[in-house]
PDB file of N, CA and C in Angstrom:
ATOM      1  N   MET A   1       0.843  -1.165   0.000  1.00  0.00           N
ATOM      2  CA  MET A   1       0.000   0.000   0.000  1.00  0.00           C
ATOM      3  C   MET A   1       0.896   1.238   0.000  1.00  0.00           C
ATOM      4  N   TYR A   2       0.473   2.245  -0.744  1.00  0.00           N
ATOM      5  CA  TYR A   2       1.222   3.494  -0.752  1.00  0.00           C
ATOM      6  C   TYR A   2       0.924   4.276   0.525  1.00  0.00           C
ATOM      7  N   VAL A   3       1.980   4.695   1.204  1.00  0.00           N
ATOM      8  CA  VAL A   3       1.856   5.512   2.411  1.00  0.00           C
ATOM      9  C   VAL A   3       2.084   6.966   2.038  1.00  0.00           C
ATOM     10  N   CYS A   4       3.117   7.229   1.262  1.00  0.00           N
ATOM     11  CA  CYS A   4       3.431   8.584   0.808  1.00  0.00           C
ATOM     12  C   CYS A   4       3.163   8.655  -0.693  1.00  0.00           C
ATOM     13  N   ILE A   5       2.026   9.245  -1.021  1.00  0.00           N
ATOM     14  CA  ILE A   5       1.637   9.359  -2.428  1.00  0.00           C
ATOM     15  C   ILE A   5       2.573  10.318  -3.166  1.00  0.00           C
ATOM     16  N   CYS A   6       2.957  11.401  -2.503  1.00  0.00           N
ATOM     17  CA  CYS A   6       3.802  12.422  -3.146  1.00  0.00           C
ATOM     18  C   CYS A   6       5.115  11.839  -3.665  1.00  0.00           C
ATOM     19  N   ASN A   7       5.710  10.927  -2.879  1.00  0.00           N
ATOM     20  CA  ASN A   7       7.024  10.392  -3.249  1.00  0.00           C
ATOM     21  C   ASN A   7       6.992   8.904  -3.563  1.00  0.00           C
ATOM     22  N   GLY A   8       5.801   8.315  -3.618  1.00  0.00           N
ATOM     23  CA  GLY A   8       5.667   6.921  -4.024  1.00  0.00           C
ATOM     24  C   GLY A   8       6.292   5.927  -3.066  1.00  0.00           C
ATOM     25  N   VAL A   9       6.185   6.170  -1.757  1.00  0.00           N
ATOM     26  CA  VAL A   9       6.785   5.288  -0.757  1.00  0.00           C
ATOM     27  C   VAL A   9       5.715   4.337  -0.223  1.00  0.00           C
ATOM     28  N   THR A  10       6.027   3.052  -0.217  1.00  0.00           N
ATOM     29  CA  THR A  10       5.073   2.043   0.223  1.00  0.00           C
ATOM     30  C   THR A  10       5.354   1.586   1.656  1.00  0.00           C
ATOM     31  N   ASP A  11       4.380   0.900   2.243  1.00  0.00           N
ATOM     32  CA  ASP A  11       4.567   0.341   3.577  1.00  0.00           C
ATOM     33  C   ASP A  11       5.694  -0.689   3.567  1.00  0.00           C
ATOM     34  N   ARG A  12       5.838  -1.405   2.477  1.00  0.00           N
ATOM     35  CA  ARG A  12       6.919  -2.391   2.369  1.00  0.00           C
ATOM     36  C   ARG A  12       8.292  -1.709   2.439  1.00  0.00           C
ATOM     37  N   GLN A  13       8.432  -0.587   1.760  1.00  0.00           N
ATOM     38  CA  GLN A  13       9.699   0.143   1.797  1.00  0.00           C
ATOM     39  C   GLN A  13      10.003   0.643   3.211  1.00  0.00           C
ATOM     40  N   ILE A  14       8.970   1.041   3.934  1.00  0.00           N
ATOM     41  CA  ILE A  14       9.171   1.506   5.313  1.00  0.00           C
ATOM     42  C   ILE A  14       9.617   0.345   6.194  1.00  0.00           C
ATOM     43  N   ARG A  15       8.978  -0.819   6.031  1.00  0.00           N
ATOM     44  CA  ARG A  15       9.393  -1.995   6.811  1.00  0.00           C
ATOM     45  C   ARG A  15      10.816  -2.425   6.455  1.00  0.00           C
ATOM     46  N   GLU A  16      11.173  -2.334   5.186  1.00  0.00           N
ATOM     47  CA  GLU A  16      12.541  -2.661   4.767  1.00  0.00           C
ATOM     48  C   GLU A  16      13.545  -1.699   5.377  1.00  0.00           C
ATOM     49  N   ALA A  17      13.196  -0.424   5.430  1.00  0.00           N
ATOM     50  CA  ALA A  17      14.086   0.566   6.043  1.00  0.00           C
ATOM     51  C   ALA A  17      14.258   0.275   7.529  1.00  0.00           C
ATOM     52  N   ALA A  18      13.181  -0.109   8.211  1.00  0.00           N
ATOM     53  CA  ALA A  18      13.263  -0.457   9.633  1.00  0.00           C
ATOM     54  C   ALA A  18      14.171  -1.669   9.832  1.00  0.00           C
ATOM     55  N   ALA A  19      14.036  -2.661   8.973  1.00  0.00           N
ATOM     56  CA  ALA A  19      14.881  -3.858   9.071  1.00  0.00           C
ATOM     57  C   ALA A  19      16.349  -3.528   8.820  1.00  0.00           C
ATOM     58  N   ALA A  20      16.599  -2.476   8.043  1.00  0.00           N
ATOM     59  CA  ALA A  20      17.970  -2.060   7.740  1.00  0.00           C
ATOM     60  C   ALA A  20      18.544  -1.134   8.812  1.00  0.00           C
ATOM     61  N   GLY A  21      17.752  -0.872   9.871  1.00  0.00           N
ATOM     62  CA  GLY A  21      18.280  -0.081  10.976  1.00  0.00           C
ATOM     63  C   GLY A  21      17.701   1.311  11.130  1.00  0.00           C
ATOM     64  N   CYS A  22      16.799   1.701  10.269  1.00  0.00           N
ATOM     65  CA  CYS A  22      16.183   3.022  10.367  1.00  0.00           C
ATOM     66  C   CYS A  22      15.309   3.059  11.623  1.00  0.00           C
ATOM     67  N   ALA A  23      15.529   4.048  12.499  1.00  0.00           N
ATOM     68  CA  ALA A  23      14.829   4.072  13.784  1.00  0.00           C
ATOM     69  C   ALA A  23      13.963   5.305  13.995  1.00  0.00           C
ATOM     70  N   THR A  24      14.146   6.355  13.212  1.00  0.00           N
ATOM     71  CA  THR A  24      13.388   7.581  13.431  1.00  0.00           C
ATOM     72  C   THR A  24      12.704   8.015  12.141  1.00  0.00           C
ATOM     73  N   VAL A  25      11.662   8.819  12.295  1.00  0.00           N
ATOM     74  CA  VAL A  25      10.946   9.334  11.127  1.00  0.00           C
ATOM     75  C   VAL A  25      11.852  10.249  10.310  1.00  0.00           C
ATOM     76  N   ALA A  26      12.682  11.029  10.972  1.00  0.00           N
ATOM     77  CA  ALA A  26      13.608  11.905  10.242  1.00  0.00           C
ATOM     78  C   ALA A  26      14.546  11.081   9.364  1.00  0.00           C
ATOM     79  N   GLU A  27      15.052   9.991   9.900  1.00  0.00           N
ATOM     80  CA  GLU A  27      15.934   9.126   9.115  1.00  0.00           C
ATOM     81  C   GLU A  27      15.152   8.453   7.989  1.00  0.00           C
ATOM     82  N   LEU A  28      13.909   8.067   8.271  1.00  0.00           N
ATOM     83  CA  LEU A  28      13.060   7.463   7.244  1.00  0.00           C
ATOM     84  C   LEU A  28      12.848   8.434   6.086  1.00  0.00           C
ATOM     85  N   THR A  29      12.623   9.700   6.408  1.00  0.00           N
ATOM     86  CA  THR A  29      12.449  10.718   5.371  1.00  0.00           C
ATOM     87  C   THR A  29      13.713  10.853   4.532  1.00  0.00           C
ATOM     88  N   MET A  30      14.866  10.845   5.193  1.00  0.00           N
ATOM     89  CA  MET A  30      16.125  10.953   4.440  1.00  0.00           C
ATOM     90  C   MET A  30      16.348   9.735   3.552  1.00  0.00           C
ATOM     91  N   ARG A  31      16.001   8.556   4.043  1.00  0.00           N
ATOM     92  CA  ARG A  31      16.247   7.331   3.270  1.00  0.00           C
ATOM     93  C   ARG A  31      15.251   7.119   2.144  1.00  0.00           C
ATOM     94  N   THR A  32      13.974   7.419   2.393  1.00  0.00           N
ATOM     95  CA  THR A  32      12.933   7.068   1.429  1.00  0.00           C
ATOM     96  C   THR A  32      12.243   8.254   0.783  1.00  0.00           C
ATOM     97  N   GLY A  33      12.285   9.406   1.422  1.00  0.00           N
ATOM     98  CA  GLY A  33      11.570  10.575   0.936  1.00  0.00           C
ATOM     99  C   GLY A  33      10.165  10.687   1.505  1.00  0.00           C
ATOM    100  N   ALA A  34       9.742   9.703   2.307  1.00  0.00           N
ATOM    101  CA  ALA A  34       8.396   9.736   2.892  1.00  0.00           C
ATOM    102  C   ALA A  34       8.238  10.981   3.755  1.00  0.00           C
ATOM    103  N   GLY A  35       7.213  11.744   3.492  1.00  0.00           N
ATOM    104  CA  GLY A  35       6.925  12.932   4.276  1.00  0.00           C
ATOM    105  C   GLY A  35       7.686  14.176   3.889  1.00  0.00           C
ATOM    106  N   ALA A  36       8.523  14.090   2.892  1.00  0.00           N
ATOM    107  CA  ALA A  36       9.367  15.232   2.527  1.00  0.00           C
ATOM    108  C   ALA A  36       8.625  16.308   1.746  1.00  0.00           C
ATOM    109  N   THR A  37       7.477  15.978   1.180  1.00  0.00           N
ATOM    110  CA  THR A  37       6.780  16.961   0.357  1.00  0.00           C
ATOM    111  C   THR A  37       5.678  17.654   1.146  1.00  0.00           C
ATOM    112  N   CYS A  38       4.572  16.972   1.416  1.00  0.00           N
ATOM    113  CA  CYS A  38       3.467  17.645   2.108  1.00  0.00           C
ATOM    114  C   CYS A  38       3.382  17.259   3.586  1.00  0.00           C
ATOM    115  N   GLY A  39       3.913  16.096   3.945  1.00  0.00           N
ATOM    116  CA  GLY A  39       3.943  15.684   5.349  1.00  0.00           C
ATOM    117  C   GLY A  39       2.683  15.030   5.866  1.00  0.00           C
ATOM    118  N   SER A  40       1.645  14.887   5.046  1.00  0.00           N
ATOM    119  CA  SER A  40       0.396  14.314   5.544  1.00  0.00           C
ATOM    120  C   SER A  40       0.519  12.823   5.879  1.00  0.00           C
ATOM    121  N   CYS A  41       1.559  12.174   5.422  1.00  0.00           N
ATOM    122  CA  CYS A  41       1.742  10.740   5.664  1.00  0.00           C
ATOM    123  C   CYS A  41       2.598  10.439   6.893  1.00  0.00           C
ATOM    124  N   LEU A  42       3.148  11.459   7.525  1.00  0.00           N
ATOM    125  CA  LEU A  42       4.127  11.224   8.583  1.00  0.00           C
ATOM    126  C   LEU A  42       3.587  10.406   9.755  1.00  0.00           C
ATOM    127  N   GLU A  43       2.348  10.631  10.143  1.00  0.00           N
ATOM    128  CA  GLU A  43       1.794   9.878  11.277  1.00  0.00           C
ATOM    129  C   GLU A  43       1.686   8.388  10.929  1.00  0.00           C
ATOM    130  N   MET A  44       1.172   8.079   9.756  1.00  0.00           N
ATOM    131  CA  MET A  44       1.060   6.680   9.345  1.00  0.00           C
ATOM    132  C   MET A  44       2.438   6.058   9.152  1.00  0.00           C
ATOM    133  N   ALA A  45       3.359   6.806   8.565  1.00  0.00           N
ATOM    134  CA  ALA A  45       4.715   6.301   8.369  1.00  0.00           C
ATOM    135  C   ALA A  45       5.377   6.004   9.711  1.00  0.00           C
ATOM    136  N   ALA A  46       5.173   6.869  10.693  1.00  0.00           N
ATOM    137  CA  ALA A  46       5.737   6.657  12.026  1.00  0.00           C
ATOM    138  C   ALA A  46       5.155   5.414  12.679  1.00  0.00           C
ATOM    139  N   ASP A  47       3.859   5.200  12.511  1.00  0.00           N
ATOM    140  CA  ASP A  47       3.218   4.012  13.079  1.00  0.00           C
ATOM    141  C   ASP A  47       3.768   2.734  12.454  1.00  0.00           C
ATOM    142  N   ILE A  48       3.928   2.728  11.155  1.00  0.00           N
ATOM    143  CA  ILE A  48       4.461   1.555  10.458  1.00  0.00           C
ATOM    144  C   ILE A  48       5.909   1.323  10.856  1.00  0.00           C
ATOM    145  N   LEU A  49       6.679   2.391  10.936  1.00  0.00           N
ATOM    146  CA  LEU A  49       8.084   2.285  11.332  1.00  0.00           C
ATOM    147  C   LEU A  49       8.207   1.715  12.739  1.00  0.00           C
ATOM    148  N   GLN A  50       7.410   2.212  13.657  1.00  0.00           N
ATOM    149  CA  GLN A  50       7.462   1.733  15.035  1.00  0.00           C
ATOM    150  C   GLN A  50       7.067   0.261  15.118  1.00  0.00           C
ATOM    151  N   ALA A  51       6.020  -0.130  14.413  1.00  0.00           N
ATOM    152  CA  ALA A  51       5.566  -1.522  14.442  1.00  0.00           C
ATOM    153  C   ALA A  51       6.576  -2.465  13.803  1.00  0.00           C
ATOM    154  N   ALA A  52       7.376  -1.953  12.883  1.00  0.00           N
ATOM    155  CA  ALA A  52       8.337  -2.787  12.159  1.00  0.00           C
ATOM    156  C   ALA A  52       9.702  -2.864  12.827  1.00  0.00           C
ATOM    157  N   GLN A  53       9.886  -2.148  13.923  1.00  0.00           N
ATOM    158  CA  GLN A  53      11.179  -2.174  14.600  1.00  0.00           C
ATOM    159  C   GLN A  53      11.482  -3.589  15.076  1.00  0.00           C
ATOM    160  N   PRO A  54      12.687  -4.069  14.835  1.00  0.00           N
ATOM    161  CA  PRO A  54      13.037  -5.405  15.311  1.00  0.00           C
ATOM    162  C   PRO A  54      13.031  -5.441  16.842  1.00  0.00           C
ATOM    163  N   ALA A  55      12.679  -6.586  17.375  1.00  0.00           N
ATOM    164  CA  ALA A  55      12.667  -6.749  18.830  1.00  0.00           C
ATOM    165  C   ALA A  55      14.087  -6.633  19.367  1.00  0.00           C
ATOM    166  N   PRO A  56      14.251  -6.016  20.542  1.00  0.00           N
ATOM    167  CA  PRO A  56      15.594  -5.905  21.104  1.00  0.00           C
ATOM    168  C   PRO A  56      16.168  -7.285  21.398  1.00  0.00           C
ATOM    169  N   ARG A  57      17.438  -7.431  21.088  1.00  0.00           N
ATOM    170  CA  ARG A  57      18.106  -8.713  21.320  1.00  0.00           C
ATOM    171  C   ARG A  57      18.682  -8.743  22.716  1.00  0.00           C
ATOM    172  N   GLU A  58      18.578  -9.897  23.350  1.00  0.00           N
ATOM    173  CA  GLU A  58      19.203 -10.059  24.650  1.00  0.00           C
ATOM    174  C   GLU A  58      20.694 -10.276  24.453  1.00  0.00           C
ATOM    175  N   SER A  59      21.458  -9.659  25.303  1.00  0.00           N
ATOM    176  CA  SER A  59      22.896  -9.818  25.233  1.00  0.00           C
ATOM    177  C   SER A  59      23.278 -11.177  25.805  1.00  0.00           C
ATOM    178  N   LEU A  60      24.164 -11.868  25.125  1.00  0.00           N
ATOM    179  CA  LEU A  60      24.633 -13.153  25.620  1.00  0.00           C
ATOM    180  C   LEU A  60      25.724 -12.980  26.670  1.00  0.00           C
ATOM    181  N   LEU A  61      26.302 -11.805  26.714  1.00  0.00           N
ATOM    182  CA  LEU A  61      27.352 -11.520  27.674  1.00  0.00           C
ATOM    183  C   LEU A  61      26.819 -10.574  28.742  1.00  0.00           C
ATOM    184  N   PRO A  62      27.279 -10.737  29.977  1.00  0.00           N
ATOM    185  CA  PRO A  62      26.810  -9.807  31.012  1.00  0.00           C
ATOM    186  C   PRO A  62      27.345  -8.407  30.729  1.00  0.00           C
ATOM    187  N   ILE A  63      26.527  -7.425  31.020  1.00  0.00           N
ATOM    188  CA  ILE A  63      26.920  -6.036  30.834  1.00  0.00           C
ATOM    189  C   ILE A  63      27.374  -5.499  32.186  1.00  0.00           C
ATOM    190  N   LEU A  64      28.607  -5.039  32.232  1.00  0.00           N
ATOM    191  CA  LEU A  64      29.165  -4.527  33.486  1.00  0.00           C
ATOM    192  C   LEU A  64      28.761  -3.071  33.679  1.00  0.00           C
ATOM    193  N   THR A  65      28.424  -2.736  34.885  1.00  0.00           N
ATOM    194  CA  THR A  65      28.178  -1.343  35.229  1.00  0.00           C
ATOM    195  C   THR A  65      29.436  -0.822  35.917  1.00  0.00           C
ATOM    196  N   LEU A  66      29.496   0.457  36.142  1.00  0.00           N
ATOM    197  CA  LEU A  66      30.678   1.025  36.786  1.00  0.00           C
ATOM    198  C   LEU A  66      30.893   0.408  38.171  1.00  0.00           C
ATOM    199  N   SER A  67      29.834   0.118  38.897  1.00  0.00           N
ATOM    200  CA  SER A  67      29.997  -0.467  40.226  1.00  0.00           C
ATOM    201  C   SER A  67      30.552  -1.879  40.154  1.00  0.00           C
ATOM    202  N   ASN A  68      30.293  -2.606  39.062  1.00  0.00           N
ATOM    203  CA  ASN A  68      30.815  -3.965  38.909  1.00  0.00           C
ATOM    204  C   ASN A  68      32.234  -3.971  38.361  1.00  0.00           C
ATOM    205  N   ALA A  69      32.616  -2.935  37.660  1.00  0.00           N
ATOM    206  CA  ALA A  69      33.907  -2.906  36.977  1.00  0.00           C
ATOM    207  C   ALA A  69      35.059  -2.578  37.931  1.00  0.00           C
ATOM    208  N   ALA A  70      34.791  -1.948  39.037  1.00  0.00           N
ATOM    209  CA  ALA A  70      35.862  -1.509  39.937  1.00  0.00           C
ATOM    210  C   ALA A  70      36.356  -2.597  40.816  1.00  0.00           C
TER     211      ALA A  70
END
């Protein structure tokens, strides 16, 4: 489905950008052009981007804090 009619950006392109590491709407606009013309698609683009964010990965190694490192 087209999300940004002005620049021809689809929901698939937004999900692909999220999978490639795009995390903010500003970065999405720079990568795809979504929202760069009239901006009426920004809310929907942000929703799709947020829903497409990969789940955070658990670290296999313990993370040391300053209190543990000393």
